[in-house]
């Protein structure tokens, strides 16, 4: 179905539904693939969010959830490395959000994405006491992780991060792991490592690249990962690999919960350390200053970002797909791929993903397997395989 088809999905403007809050604009390790520092404009931002910016941000959050009668408003604390912001600030923000929730009846769950190096018992106590969920960046086993995730002195960080991951998994803390795929290594090495660490929820993300680059093919890796996921969950759910479950969800005609899969608008709102407001932070891979806007939380309500030209351009690009995508049978499931992966300096976002061929192969493989495993129950107890049911339709 083409995006121009009158029967295609109609997207209604809704209030901003979550915030990505950059509480630190610097990091304590030096990851070679980090998108954040591909844009030198980040060095113009304050290293840490100040008390003044936090105070105004909390006012804007309460204003936003009250004006729109929201029932939940997730906040993700991000960086750089957000733990550099300090434990007292985490407690202060969580306590303030709890107070806003009590006044507005809006749940404000807080999550943090961290490299894990600074996590100790005090941080674990903070996360547990404040019900802060943690996504820890961990690229599988040491020989993969330490290729890219190193200190400024050039040493690996895996030992410290694995130790933190195991300690998180042993506490009453919602924990997941975020990996970046290295297709030079088999997916089994990732899956076995996370199982051994006791982490059942994780993602293995496609490496960031624009159309102007030539990244390695990833289809074989993810097709193998899908097989491992299927085998692990054959009898009962035991492991959730986000990119796999998102793709399956989208193939089955439902909205995936994350922005990288599925045909839907990307409406993420990012608040920087100085209170300025931008679109999706990963769009920084497009180059210096590419995400900069004139909006900030001192002069603008959160939802006003919808009128900001660069935010609106990114949002519109997420659903205005190129011709090749509009003709693809996986258009609704794929949605053109992750928005940053569609950027080129020549055409902006009007391109297929740099991973287009890989994504097609991945969806084709998943669809083929699902057609063999799923069935439709009909009146009278008859069961039809998905392929046969579709043929009869």
Foldseek 3Di string as FASTA:
>chain_A
DFLPDPPDDDADDDFAQEEEEAQAAAAQAFFPQDLSVLAVCSVVFDGGFDPVLLVLVLVLVLVRCQVRVAQEYEYEYEYNARCVNDLVVLVVNLVSQVVSCVVRVHHYAYEYEHCQLPDDPVVLVSCVVSQYAYEHEAAFDQVRQLVGTGGPVSHGDRVRRLVRLLVNLVDPHHYEYEHEDDQVDACVRRVVRCVVSNHQHYEHHYRFDALVDQDDACQVRVLRVLVVCCVCDVPHRRHHHQVNVLLVCQVVPHHRPDLFWFQDFQQYWYQYSHQAIWGDSSLSSVYYPLTDWPHGSVVDRRRVCCVTVSSVVRRVLQNPEAPVLSPDPCNGGGSLGHQSQQQDPVPGNHGRGSNNVSVVSNSVSVVVVQQVVDWDADPPGDIGRPVVVVVVD
